[in-house]
Every structure is written in structure tokens, then in C-alpha cells.
Amino acid sequence: MLAVQHNAYLVPDALSTKALVNAAKRGVKIRIITLGKHIDTQLVRRASRSCWGDLLRADIQIAEYKPTMYHCKVLILDKLMVSVGSTNFDNRSFRLNGEANLNINDKTFALEQTQVFETDWSKSQTISYDQWMKRPMQENVIKKISIVLSSQL
């Protein structure tokens, strides 16, 4: 099984992280593209990056989009189903915002979206667990702040 995700803001809570890690342990190959340096708020980027340790340890691949601001919200499963809409993979989108997604079960559309994902992946910088461990100290501080502000991120 393959799951690929374009995600503008990735600030998973403990339950979401556990779900992704468990899927990876079952053999689901998960790749996620998220925002890079071009972002409307560095606080969210740092909060997002601070949450990636368990995901990266579980061999979930995460890459930051390099060319420009990135605001896609697309999930592709097994090159068969696509979920696209306004939902970010974060607590705020799941619980507070009035978000909506459309799920499309169409192999042709899913293959087209997979090609778009692959093109975007080639324009992204993958982050390894070792790179993540060497992230700026500011991100560790931001993680502590983000716990307090988690409902707002």
C-alpha cells in the first residue's frame, strides 16, 4: 500500500502521529511533501518540524517543497483514491476549522495526481532523521510553545 500526501501545514497531534507510525509499521509506504522556507508563518513551520521525529524514525519520508509557497492538501492512496480539499493534517483542521474534502475513487485521476506529486517531490528537499536531529535549537523551544498553543496551530 502506498500513501502520498501534499500538505500545506503538517502539525500532527499524538493520535495522528500514532496512526501514521502504525500504518508505516504495517508496511504502508508514506511520503509527505510540506512547506519549506517559503511559508506565511515561521512559527507553524518550526512547530511542524518539531513533530517529525517519530514519523522519520518510522521510515515515513518527509520533504519540504523548495520553489515557492506550497498550499496543496491532497492525499493519494494506492494510486486509486484521491482526497483533496481544505483540510490540513493538523489538530486545528480536524477539530476547529470548518474543513471539507472530496474523495475521488478514479484510477485515471489518481494516476494523474501521482504524477503531479512525483514532479513536486523532485522539487523538494527530503529530510532525514539525522538532519532532523541537527535542526536549530529554536525548533525545540517552539515545540514546547506549540504544546501550549496546539489548538491554535
Protein backbone atom coordinates (compact mmCIF):
# COMPACT_ATOMS: atom_id res chain seq x y z
CA MET A 1 0.00 0.00 0.00
CA LEU A 2 1.21 3.49 -0.84
CA ALA A 3 0.06 6.77 0.67
CA VAL A 4 1.38 10.09 -0.58
CA GLN A 5 0.33 13.43 0.73
CA HIS A 6 0.72 17.05 -0.26
CA ASN A 7 0.18 19.02 2.91
CA ALA A 8 0.49 22.74 3.46
CA TYR A 9 0.66 22.53 7.24
CA LEU A 10 1.67 19.31 8.99
CA VAL A 11 1.41 19.63 12.77
CA PRO A 12 0.19 16.19 13.81
CA ASP A 13 -1.00 15.59 17.35
CA ALA A 14 -0.07 12.42 19.26
CA LEU A 15 -3.06 10.45 17.90
CA SER A 16 -2.35 11.41 14.27
CA THR A 17 1.34 10.64 14.68
CA LYS A 18 0.49 7.24 16.16
CA ALA A 19 -1.88 6.47 13.27
CA LEU A 20 0.79 7.32 10.68
CA VAL A 21 3.52 5.39 12.51
CA ASN A 22 1.25 2.35 12.89
CA ALA A 23 0.41 2.46 9.17
CA ALA A 24 4.13 2.58 8.34
CA LYS A 25 4.74 -0.40 10.64
CA ARG A 26 2.07 -2.33 8.69
CA GLY A 27 4.07 -1.72 5.52
CA VAL A 28 2.34 1.38 4.16
CA LYS A 29 4.90 3.49 2.32
CA ILE A 30 4.14 7.08 3.31
CA ARG A 31 5.64 10.14 1.64
CA ILE A 32 4.66 13.68 2.61
CA ILE A 33 5.50 17.00 0.95
CA THR A 34 5.06 20.02 3.16
CA LEU A 35 6.06 23.67 3.21
CA GLY A 36 9.69 24.66 3.09
CA LYS A 37 11.24 28.06 3.73
CA HIS A 38 8.54 29.85 1.72
CA ILE A 39 5.77 29.97 4.29
CA ASP A 40 3.39 32.56 5.66
CA THR A 41 4.33 31.83 9.29
CA GLN A 42 7.65 30.52 10.54
CA LEU A 43 6.07 29.57 13.89
CA VAL A 44 3.93 26.94 12.15
CA ARG A 45 6.91 25.66 10.14
CA ARG A 46 9.00 25.26 13.28
CA ALA A 47 6.11 23.66 15.17
CA SER A 48 5.60 21.29 12.26
CA ARG A 49 9.25 20.31 12.00
CA SER A 50 9.44 19.72 15.75
CA CYS A 51 6.84 16.92 15.41
CA TRP A 52 8.61 14.83 12.78
CA GLY A 53 10.90 12.66 14.93
CA ASP A 54 8.58 9.69 15.40
CA LEU A 55 7.47 9.88 11.76
CA LEU A 56 11.02 9.88 10.43
CA ARG A 57 12.06 7.06 12.77
CA ALA A 58 9.18 5.02 11.33
CA ASP A 59 10.65 5.48 7.81
CA ILE A 60 7.96 7.93 6.76
CA GLN A 61 9.54 10.18 4.15
CA ILE A 62 9.05 13.91 4.56
CA ALA A 63 10.20 16.53 2.09
CA GLU A 64 9.95 20.32 2.08
CA TYR A 65 8.89 22.00 -1.15
CA LYS A 66 11.64 24.37 -2.28
CA PRO A 67 10.50 26.63 -5.15
CA THR A 68 7.72 28.69 -3.57
CA MET A 69 4.82 28.77 -1.10
CA TYR A 70 3.08 25.40 -1.13
CA HIS A 71 -0.57 25.12 -0.19
CA CYS A 72 -1.73 21.74 -1.52
CA LYS A 73 -3.90 19.44 0.56
CA VAL A 74 -4.06 16.15 -1.31
CA LEU A 75 -3.88 12.53 -0.14
CA ILE A 76 -3.38 9.74 -2.69
CA LEU A 77 -3.91 6.11 -1.66
CA ASP A 78 -2.62 3.21 -3.77
CA LYS A 79 -2.88 5.23 -6.99
CA LEU A 80 -6.63 4.59 -6.75
CA MET A 81 -8.22 7.15 -4.41
CA VAL A 82 -7.57 10.86 -4.03
CA SER A 83 -8.78 13.08 -1.21
CA VAL A 84 -8.48 16.78 -1.98
CA GLY A 85 -9.82 19.80 -0.15
CA SER A 86 -9.12 22.33 2.55
CA THR A 87 -8.10 20.02 5.41
CA ASN A 88 -4.55 20.24 6.73
CA PHE A 89 -3.15 17.27 8.63
CA ASP A 90 -3.30 19.01 11.98
CA ASN A 91 -5.43 19.25 15.08
CA ARG A 92 -6.87 22.65 14.14
CA SER A 93 -8.21 21.39 10.81
CA PHE A 94 -9.59 18.20 12.33
CA ARG A 95 -11.32 19.80 15.32
CA LEU A 96 -11.83 23.55 14.91
CA ASN A 97 -11.94 24.69 11.31
CA GLY A 98 -14.88 24.08 9.02
CA GLU A 99 -12.90 22.00 6.53
CA ALA A 100 -14.12 19.84 3.65
CA ASN A 101 -12.52 17.30 1.35
CA LEU A 102 -13.73 15.49 -1.73
CA ASN A 103 -12.78 11.81 -2.06
CA ILE A 104 -12.43 10.63 -5.63
CA ASN A 105 -12.20 6.92 -6.48
CA ASP A 106 -10.87 7.06 -10.02
CA LYS A 107 -7.68 5.33 -11.15
CA THR A 108 -7.02 7.73 -14.04
CA PHE A 109 -7.38 10.80 -11.82
CA ALA A 110 -5.28 9.17 -9.08
CA LEU A 111 -2.50 8.38 -11.56
CA GLU A 112 -2.54 11.98 -12.81
CA GLN A 113 -2.30 13.27 -9.23
CA THR A 114 0.51 10.78 -8.50
CA GLN A 115 2.45 12.24 -11.45
CA VAL A 116 1.91 15.76 -10.06
CA PHE A 117 3.13 14.53 -6.68
CA GLU A 118 6.25 12.96 -8.23
CA THR A 119 7.04 16.23 -10.04
CA ASP A 120 6.63 18.16 -6.79
CA TRP A 121 8.70 15.56 -4.91
CA SER A 122 11.56 16.16 -7.36
CA LYS A 123 11.42 19.87 -6.41
CA SER A 124 11.51 19.12 -2.69
CA GLN A 125 14.26 18.57 -0.14
CA THR A 126 13.90 15.32 1.78
CA ILE A 127 14.65 15.47 5.48
CA SER A 128 16.42 12.52 7.08
CA TYR A 129 16.16 11.64 10.75
CA ASP A 130 19.83 12.64 11.18
CA GLN A 131 19.15 16.04 9.58
CA TRP A 132 16.11 16.46 11.78
CA MET A 133 18.17 15.73 14.89
CA LYS A 134 20.53 18.57 13.90
CA ARG A 135 17.72 21.12 13.48
CA PRO A 136 18.09 24.52 15.12
CA MET A 137 17.59 24.68 18.89
CA GLN A 138 14.77 27.18 18.25
CA GLU A 139 12.62 24.31 17.00
CA ASN A 140 12.94 22.51 20.33
CA VAL A 141 11.78 25.66 22.11
CA ILE A 142 8.96 26.08 19.59
CA LYS A 143 7.81 22.51 20.29
CA LYS A 144 7.32 23.39 23.97
CA ILE A 145 5.38 26.53 22.98
CA SER A 146 3.35 24.62 20.39
CA ILE A 147 2.12 22.20 23.06
CA VAL A 148 0.51 25.16 24.84
CA LEU A 149 -0.82 26.61 21.57
CA SER A 150 -1.69 23.27 19.93
CA SER A 151 -5.37 24.10 19.46
CA GLN A 152 -4.39 27.22 17.51
CA LEU A 153 -1.80 25.67 15.19
